Amino acid sequence: MLTLISDDWAAVWLTLKLASTTTAILMVIGTPIAWWLARTRSGFKGLVGAVVALPLVLPPTVLGFYLLIALGPHGPVGQITQALGLGVLPFTFPGLVVASVFYSLPFVVQPLQQAFEAIGARPLEVAATLRASPWDAFFSVALPLARPGFITAAILGFAHTVGEFGVVLMIGGNIPGQTRVVSVQIYDHVEALEYAQAHLLAGGMLLFSFLALFALYTLNARPPKA
């Protein structure tokens, strides 16, 4: 029994670590992508937007399979990581992070893109007339006005990563303490007919998901400050 509890806590800690790392990376790389999608008139906008949104419609196992091929020893990314002395990423925590970034990308980029589009061009034009550089206008005008979008993106990115199953199982496998996250741990409990432990973890996931969405809707329902 103590071993089961220890394994459950290890899975919870690993899941939180994965979600935190993934969300931080997504906020860094997702912001410029969302800004470009919101502002560009390039003919490539539709193509980039479709690539970003692909995980929304693609089965997780399909995405996980192709990532496994790409990151594996014979894949293009795997050959690069091996040449750099980093080994291969599948069945490691860094591999889980890479897979999670791809899988949760639209849940961060799309709220940010919508927030940037809602700002419109007028505030940035006013900043330009005050001799603000594009960088100054972005950091002093766009980012503060897009704050609700950043909150939404962070919450959705974190919560979506916590709930992953197919992609993390394909890329990370089921290694205790290294790649076994909560969703995989629940699956293991069900397979072993350990329904009490499965109920405990599943109930925790349900509560977490509800609180994340409740926080999101509550924050978005607040009127903007004058």
C-alpha atoms as a PDB file:
ATOM      1  CA  MET A   1       0.000   0.000   0.000  1.00  0.00           C
ATOM      2  CA  LEU A   2       2.796   2.410   0.915  1.00  0.00           C
ATOM      3  CA  THR A   3       4.496   1.610  -2.370  1.00  0.00           C
ATOM      4  CA  LEU A   4       1.328   2.476  -4.287  1.00  0.00           C
ATOM      5  CA  ILE A   5       0.990   5.796  -2.451  1.00  0.00           C
ATOM      6  CA  SER A   6       4.652   6.569  -3.104  1.00  0.00           C
ATOM      7  CA  ASP A   7       4.227   5.792  -6.812  1.00  0.00           C
ATOM      8  CA  ASP A   8       1.123   7.985  -6.963  1.00  0.00           C
ATOM      9  CA  TRP A   9       2.914  10.957  -5.400  1.00  0.00           C
ATOM     10  CA  ALA A  10       5.876  10.452  -7.713  1.00  0.00           C
ATOM     11  CA  ALA A  11       3.491  10.563 -10.684  1.00  0.00           C
ATOM     12  CA  VAL A  12       1.795  13.702  -9.346  1.00  0.00           C
ATOM     13  CA  TRP A  13       5.127  15.467  -8.808  1.00  0.00           C
ATOM     14  CA  LEU A  14       6.371  14.489 -12.271  1.00  0.00           C
ATOM     15  CA  THR A  15       3.124  15.699 -13.852  1.00  0.00           C
ATOM     16  CA  LEU A  16       3.346  19.088 -12.131  1.00  0.00           C
ATOM     17  CA  LYS A  17       7.000  19.394 -13.119  1.00  0.00           C
ATOM     18  CA  LEU A  18       6.162  18.543 -16.725  1.00  0.00           C
ATOM     19  CA  ALA A  19       3.215  20.947 -16.878  1.00  0.00           C
ATOM     20  CA  SER A  20       5.209  23.811 -15.325  1.00  0.00           C
ATOM     21  CA  THR A  21       8.171  23.329 -17.650  1.00  0.00           C
ATOM     22  CA  THR A  22       5.983  22.966 -20.715  1.00  0.00           C
ATOM     23  CA  THR A  23       3.887  26.026 -19.895  1.00  0.00           C
ATOM     24  CA  ALA A  24       6.977  28.189 -19.339  1.00  0.00           C
ATOM     25  CA  ILE A  25       8.438  27.135 -22.694  1.00  0.00           C
ATOM     26  CA  LEU A  26       5.121  27.607 -24.479  1.00  0.00           C
ATOM     27  CA  MET A  27       4.681  31.132 -23.145  1.00  0.00           C
ATOM     28  CA  VAL A  28       8.132  32.042 -24.465  1.00  0.00           C
ATOM     29  CA  ILE A  29       7.775  30.534 -27.944  1.00  0.00           C
ATOM     30  CA  GLY A  30       4.009  30.965 -28.235  1.00  0.00           C
ATOM     31  CA  THR A  31       4.027  34.743 -27.716  1.00  0.00           C
ATOM     32  CA  PRO A  32       6.004  35.672 -30.869  1.00  0.00           C
ATOM     33  CA  ILE A  33       4.061  33.109 -32.913  1.00  0.00           C
ATOM     34  CA  ALA A  34       0.742  34.535 -31.703  1.00  0.00           C
ATOM     35  CA  TRP A  35       1.928  38.109 -32.287  1.00  0.00           C
ATOM     36  CA  TRP A  36       2.977  37.275 -35.844  1.00  0.00           C
ATOM     37  CA  LEU A  37      -0.320  35.503 -36.576  1.00  0.00           C
ATOM     38  CA  ALA A  38      -2.281  38.447 -35.168  1.00  0.00           C
ATOM     39  CA  ARG A  39      -0.380  41.115 -37.110  1.00  0.00           C
ATOM     40  CA  THR A  40       0.824  39.564 -40.350  1.00  0.00           C
ATOM     41  CA  ARG A  41      -0.754  39.802 -43.770  1.00  0.00           C
ATOM     42  CA  SER A  42       1.513  37.121 -45.153  1.00  0.00           C
ATOM     43  CA  GLY A  43       0.078  34.425 -47.358  1.00  0.00           C
ATOM     44  CA  PHE A  44       1.695  31.901 -45.036  1.00  0.00           C
ATOM     45  CA  LYS A  45      -0.588  32.884 -42.148  1.00  0.00           C
ATOM     46  CA  GLY A  46      -3.127  30.183 -42.975  1.00  0.00           C
ATOM     47  CA  LEU A  47      -0.430  27.537 -43.272  1.00  0.00           C
ATOM     48  CA  VAL A  48       1.222  28.449 -39.962  1.00  0.00           C
ATOM     49  CA  GLY A  49      -2.146  28.706 -38.231  1.00  0.00           C
ATOM     50  CA  ALA A  50      -3.118  25.262 -39.492  1.00  0.00           C
ATOM     51  CA  VAL A  51       0.153  23.739 -38.283  1.00  0.00           C
ATOM     52  CA  VAL A  52      -0.294  25.318 -34.846  1.00  0.00           C
ATOM     53  CA  ALA A  53      -3.893  24.072 -34.594  1.00  0.00           C
ATOM     54  CA  LEU A  54      -3.132  20.569 -35.886  1.00  0.00           C
ATOM     55  CA  PRO A  55      -2.978  18.943 -32.407  1.00  0.00           C
ATOM     56  CA  LEU A  56      -6.596  20.009 -31.851  1.00  0.00           C
ATOM     57  CA  VAL A  57      -7.846  17.558 -34.478  1.00  0.00           C
ATOM     58  CA  LEU A  58      -5.009  15.052 -34.773  1.00  0.00           C
ATOM     59  CA  PRO A  59      -5.286  11.886 -32.630  1.00  0.00           C
ATOM     60  CA  PRO A  60      -2.638  12.062 -29.871  1.00  0.00           C
ATOM     61  CA  THR A  61      -1.291   8.653 -30.847  1.00  0.00           C
ATOM     62  CA  VAL A  62      -0.652   9.861 -34.401  1.00  0.00           C
ATOM     63  CA  LEU A  63       1.239  12.911 -33.178  1.00  0.00           C
ATOM     64  CA  GLY A  64       3.096  10.761 -30.656  1.00  0.00           C
ATOM     65  CA  PHE A  65       4.017   8.211 -33.332  1.00  0.00           C
ATOM     66  CA  TYR A  66       5.567  10.767 -35.676  1.00  0.00           C
ATOM     67  CA  LEU A  67       7.367  12.484 -32.815  1.00  0.00           C
ATOM     68  CA  LEU A  68       8.702   9.092 -31.773  1.00  0.00           C
ATOM     69  CA  ILE A  69      10.033   8.552 -35.297  1.00  0.00           C
ATOM     70  CA  ALA A  70      11.530  12.049 -35.507  1.00  0.00           C
ATOM     71  CA  LEU A  71      13.129  11.938 -32.053  1.00  0.00           C
ATOM     72  CA  GLY A  72      14.280   8.314 -32.312  1.00  0.00           C
ATOM     73  CA  PRO A  73      17.810   7.144 -33.142  1.00  0.00           C
ATOM     74  CA  HIS A  74      17.133   7.099 -36.903  1.00  0.00           C
ATOM     75  CA  GLY A  75      15.029  10.264 -37.038  1.00  0.00           C
ATOM     76  CA  PRO A  76      16.370  13.682 -38.080  1.00  0.00           C
ATOM     77  CA  VAL A  77      16.105  15.163 -34.584  1.00  0.00           C
ATOM     78  CA  GLY A  78      17.440  11.999 -32.975  1.00  0.00           C
ATOM     79  CA  GLN A  79      20.522  12.044 -35.185  1.00  0.00           C
ATOM     80  CA  ILE A  80      21.211  15.660 -34.211  1.00  0.00           C
ATOM     81  CA  THR A  81      20.822  15.002 -30.473  1.00  0.00           C
ATOM     82  CA  GLN A  82      23.090  11.966 -30.735  1.00  0.00           C
ATOM     83  CA  ALA A  83      25.700  13.972 -32.645  1.00  0.00           C
ATOM     84  CA  LEU A  84      25.618  16.549 -29.850  1.00  0.00           C
ATOM     85  CA  GLY A  85      26.152  13.825 -27.267  1.00  0.00           C
ATOM     86  CA  LEU A  86      22.658  14.185 -25.811  1.00  0.00           C
ATOM     87  CA  GLY A  87      21.464  10.707 -26.710  1.00  0.00           C
ATOM     88  CA  VAL A  88      17.870  10.229 -27.853  1.00  0.00           C
ATOM     89  CA  LEU A  89      14.856  11.935 -26.317  1.00  0.00           C
ATOM     90  CA  PRO A  90      12.167   9.219 -26.340  1.00  0.00           C
ATOM     91  CA  PHE A  91      11.516   7.627 -22.934  1.00  0.00           C
ATOM     92  CA  THR A  92      13.142  10.551 -21.112  1.00  0.00           C
ATOM     93  CA  PHE A  93      11.723  13.584 -19.308  1.00  0.00           C
ATOM     94  CA  PRO A  94      13.102  16.023 -21.930  1.00  0.00           C
ATOM     95  CA  GLY A  95      11.324  13.934 -24.554  1.00  0.00           C
ATOM     96  CA  LEU A  96       8.069  14.363 -22.619  1.00  0.00           C
ATOM     97  CA  VAL A  97       8.629  18.116 -22.571  1.00  0.00           C
ATOM     98  CA  VAL A  98       9.182  18.268 -26.339  1.00  0.00           C
ATOM     99  CA  ALA A  99       6.065  16.196 -27.002  1.00  0.00           C
ATOM    100  CA  SER A 100       3.989  18.255 -24.566  1.00  0.00           C
ATOM    101  CA  VAL A 101       5.093  21.514 -26.178  1.00  0.00           C
ATOM    102  CA  PHE A 102       3.869  20.314 -29.565  1.00  0.00           C
ATOM    103  CA  TYR A 103       0.633  18.884 -28.174  1.00  0.00           C
ATOM    104  CA  SER A 104      -0.326  21.917 -26.064  1.00  0.00           C
ATOM    105  CA  LEU A 105       0.869  24.595 -28.507  1.00  0.00           C
ATOM    106  CA  PRO A 106      -2.584  25.652 -29.808  1.00  0.00           C
ATOM    107  CA  PHE A 107      -3.936  26.016 -26.263  1.00  0.00           C
ATOM    108  CA  VAL A 108      -1.389  28.778 -25.689  1.00  0.00           C
ATOM    109  CA  VAL A 109      -1.024  30.364 -29.116  1.00  0.00           C
ATOM    110  CA  GLN A 110      -4.717  30.764 -29.936  1.00  0.00           C
ATOM    111  CA  PRO A 111      -5.735  32.669 -26.746  1.00  0.00           C
ATOM    112  CA  LEU A 112      -2.713  34.934 -27.181  1.00  0.00           C
ATOM    113  CA  GLN A 113      -3.498  35.516 -30.842  1.00  0.00           C
ATOM    114  CA  GLN A 114      -7.097  36.428 -30.011  1.00  0.00           C
ATOM    115  CA  ALA A 115      -5.904  38.800 -27.278  1.00  0.00           C
ATOM    116  CA  PHE A 116      -3.468  40.530 -29.619  1.00  0.00           C
ATOM    117  CA  GLU A 117      -6.103  40.818 -32.364  1.00  0.00           C
ATOM    118  CA  ALA A 118      -8.576  42.346 -29.891  1.00  0.00           C
ATOM    119  CA  ILE A 119      -6.139  45.175 -29.146  1.00  0.00           C
ATOM    120  CA  GLY A 120      -6.406  46.489 -32.674  1.00  0.00           C
ATOM    121  CA  ALA A 121      -3.978  48.774 -34.447  1.00  0.00           C
ATOM    122  CA  ARG A 122      -5.034  52.078 -32.835  1.00  0.00           C
ATOM    123  CA  PRO A 123      -3.134  51.794 -29.490  1.00  0.00           C
ATOM    124  CA  LEU A 124       0.063  50.826 -31.301  1.00  0.00           C
ATOM    125  CA  GLU A 125      -0.344  53.692 -33.764  1.00  0.00           C
ATOM    126  CA  VAL A 126      -0.748  56.120 -30.869  1.00  0.00           C
ATOM    127  CA  ALA A 127       2.411  54.716 -29.267  1.00  0.00           C
ATOM    128  CA  ALA A 128       4.247  55.186 -32.558  1.00  0.00           C
ATOM    129  CA  THR A 129       3.193  58.846 -32.732  1.00  0.00           C
ATOM    130  CA  LEU A 130       4.766  59.258 -29.297  1.00  0.00           C
ATOM    131  CA  ARG A 131       8.022  57.958 -30.799  1.00  0.00           C
ATOM    132  CA  ALA A 132       7.825  54.584 -29.127  1.00  0.00           C
ATOM    133  CA  SER A 133       9.869  51.941 -30.899  1.00  0.00           C
ATOM    134  CA  PRO A 134       8.132  48.706 -31.964  1.00  0.00           C
ATOM    135  CA  TRP A 135       9.721  46.957 -28.990  1.00  0.00           C
ATOM    136  CA  ASP A 136       8.588  49.694 -26.598  1.00  0.00           C
ATOM    137  CA  ALA A 137       5.057  49.586 -28.013  1.00  0.00           C
ATOM    138  CA  PHE A 138       4.947  45.819 -27.670  1.00  0.00           C
ATOM    139  CA  PHE A 139       6.131  45.699 -24.059  1.00  0.00           C
ATOM    140  CA  SER A 140       4.442  48.857 -22.774  1.00  0.00           C
ATOM    141  CA  VAL A 141       1.172  48.706 -24.710  1.00  0.00           C
ATOM    142  CA  ALA A 142       0.451  45.300 -26.238  1.00  0.00           C
ATOM    143  CA  LEU A 143       1.510  43.085 -23.349  1.00  0.00           C
ATOM    144  CA  PRO A 144      -0.480  44.921 -20.633  1.00  0.00           C
ATOM    145  CA  LEU A 145      -3.590  45.037 -22.829  1.00  0.00           C
ATOM    146  CA  ALA A 146      -3.242  41.339 -23.651  1.00  0.00           C
ATOM    147  CA  ARG A 147      -2.932  40.326 -19.993  1.00  0.00           C
ATOM    148  CA  PRO A 148      -6.238  38.354 -19.941  1.00  0.00           C
ATOM    149  CA  GLY A 149      -5.017  36.367 -22.933  1.00  0.00           C
ATOM    150  CA  PHE A 150      -1.804  35.494 -21.143  1.00  0.00           C
ATOM    151  CA  ILE A 151      -3.722  34.303 -18.095  1.00  0.00           C
ATOM    152  CA  THR A 152      -5.998  32.183 -20.278  1.00  0.00           C
ATOM    153  CA  ALA A 153      -3.058  30.755 -22.231  1.00  0.00           C
ATOM    154  CA  ALA A 154      -1.117  29.858 -19.082  1.00  0.00           C
ATOM    155  CA  ILE A 155      -4.080  28.142 -17.413  1.00  0.00           C
ATOM    156  CA  LEU A 156      -5.122  26.215 -20.528  1.00  0.00           C
ATOM    157  CA  GLY A 157      -1.564  25.219 -21.396  1.00  0.00           C
ATOM    158  CA  PHE A 158      -0.878  23.955 -17.881  1.00  0.00           C
ATOM    159  CA  ALA A 159      -4.199  22.126 -17.509  1.00  0.00           C
ATOM    160  CA  HIS A 160      -3.989  20.534 -20.949  1.00  0.00           C
ATOM    161  CA  THR A 161      -0.485  19.247 -20.259  1.00  0.00           C
ATOM    162  CA  VAL A 162      -1.617  17.746 -16.949  1.00  0.00           C
ATOM    163  CA  GLY A 163      -4.351  15.810 -18.742  1.00  0.00           C
ATOM    164  CA  GLU A 164      -2.193  14.335 -21.526  1.00  0.00           C
ATOM    165  CA  PHE A 165      -2.202  10.584 -22.066  1.00  0.00           C
ATOM    166  CA  GLY A 166      -1.695   9.353 -25.613  1.00  0.00           C
ATOM    167  CA  VAL A 167       1.274  11.535 -26.517  1.00  0.00           C
ATOM    168  CA  VAL A 168       3.132  11.049 -23.235  1.00  0.00           C
ATOM    169  CA  LEU A 169       2.580   7.295 -23.348  1.00  0.00           C
ATOM    170  CA  MET A 170       3.940   7.087 -26.896  1.00  0.00           C
ATOM    171  CA  ILE A 171       6.996   9.248 -26.219  1.00  0.00           C
ATOM    172  CA  GLY A 172       7.686   8.556 -22.554  1.00  0.00           C
ATOM    173  CA  GLY A 173       6.462   5.024 -22.081  1.00  0.00           C
ATOM    174  CA  ASN A 174       5.763   4.019 -18.514  1.00  0.00           C
ATOM    175  CA  ILE A 175       8.963   4.396 -16.484  1.00  0.00           C
ATOM    176  CA  PRO A 176       8.283   4.972 -12.749  1.00  0.00           C
ATOM    177  CA  GLY A 177       9.755   8.222 -11.476  1.00  0.00           C
ATOM    178  CA  GLN A 178      10.945   9.267 -14.936  1.00  0.00           C
ATOM    179  CA  THR A 179       8.080   9.312 -17.436  1.00  0.00           C
ATOM    180  CA  ARG A 180       5.042   7.890 -15.614  1.00  0.00           C
ATOM    181  CA  VAL A 181       2.649  10.811 -15.231  1.00  0.00           C
ATOM    182  CA  VAL A 182      -0.726  10.829 -13.471  1.00  0.00           C
ATOM    183  CA  SER A 183      -2.782   9.866 -16.524  1.00  0.00           C
ATOM    184  CA  VAL A 184      -0.576   6.823 -17.131  1.00  0.00           C
ATOM    185  CA  GLN A 185      -0.641   5.957 -13.416  1.00  0.00           C
ATOM    186  CA  ILE A 186      -4.458   5.920 -13.507  1.00  0.00           C
ATOM    187  CA  TYR A 187      -4.349   3.604 -16.506  1.00  0.00           C
ATOM    188  CA  ASP A 188      -1.997   1.270 -14.635  1.00  0.00           C
ATOM    189  CA  HIS A 189      -4.314   1.191 -11.604  1.00  0.00           C
ATOM    190  CA  VAL A 190      -7.306   0.323 -13.785  1.00  0.00           C
ATOM    191  CA  GLU A 191      -5.385  -2.433 -15.570  1.00  0.00           C
ATOM    192  CA  ALA A 192      -4.416  -3.897 -12.190  1.00  0.00           C
ATOM    193  CA  LEU A 193      -8.058  -3.589 -10.972  1.00  0.00           C
ATOM    194  CA  GLU A 194      -6.893  -1.165  -8.255  1.00  0.00           C
ATOM    195  CA  TYR A 195     -10.017   0.930  -8.503  1.00  0.00           C
ATOM    196  CA  ALA A 196      -9.641   2.667  -5.136  1.00  0.00           C
ATOM    197  CA  GLN A 197      -6.282   4.150  -6.166  1.00  0.00           C
ATOM    198  CA  ALA A 198      -7.650   4.962  -9.629  1.00  0.00           C
ATOM    199  CA  HIS A 199     -10.624   6.761  -8.070  1.00  0.00           C
ATOM    200  CA  LEU A 200      -8.315   8.825  -5.875  1.00  0.00           C
ATOM    201  CA  LEU A 201      -6.126  10.021  -8.734  1.00  0.00           C
ATOM    202  CA  ALA A 202      -9.002  10.423 -11.186  1.00  0.00           C
ATOM    203  CA  GLY A 203     -10.980  12.407  -8.625  1.00  0.00           C
ATOM    204  CA  GLY A 204      -7.980  14.641  -8.062  1.00  0.00           C
ATOM    205  CA  MET A 205      -7.690  15.221 -11.813  1.00  0.00           C
ATOM    206  CA  LEU A 206     -11.405  16.021 -12.024  1.00  0.00           C
ATOM    207  CA  LEU A 207     -11.162  18.518  -9.163  1.00  0.00           C
ATOM    208  CA  PHE A 208      -8.057  20.121 -10.640  1.00  0.00           C
ATOM    209  CA  SER A 209      -9.694  20.485 -14.055  1.00  0.00           C
ATOM    210  CA  PHE A 210     -12.808  22.047 -12.542  1.00  0.00           C
ATOM    211  CA  LEU A 211     -10.791  24.520 -10.448  1.00  0.00           C
ATOM    212  CA  ALA A 212      -8.646  25.481 -13.443  1.00  0.00           C
ATOM    213  CA  LEU A 213     -11.712  26.208 -15.578  1.00  0.00           C
ATOM    214  CA  PHE A 214     -13.478  27.952 -12.691  1.00  0.00           C
ATOM    215  CA  ALA A 215     -10.467  30.214 -12.181  1.00  0.00           C
ATOM    216  CA  LEU A 216     -10.312  30.901 -15.916  1.00  0.00           C
ATOM    217  CA  TYR A 217     -13.961  31.868 -16.246  1.00  0.00           C
ATOM    218  CA  THR A 218     -13.905  33.890 -13.031  1.00  0.00           C
ATOM    219  CA  LEU A 219     -10.869  35.903 -14.088  1.00  0.00           C
ATOM    220  CA  ASN A 220     -12.250  36.515 -17.558  1.00  0.00           C
ATOM    221  CA  ALA A 221     -15.609  37.603 -16.148  1.00  0.00           C
ATOM    222  CA  ARG A 222     -14.075  40.433 -14.127  1.00  0.00           C
ATOM    223  CA  PRO A 223     -14.669  43.870 -15.658  1.00  0.00           C
ATOM    224  CA  PRO A 224     -11.482  45.617 -16.827  1.00  0.00           C
ATOM    225  CA  LYS A 225      -9.993  48.213 -14.523  1.00  0.00           C
ATOM    226  CA  ALA A 226     -10.622  51.789 -15.464  1.00  0.00           C
END
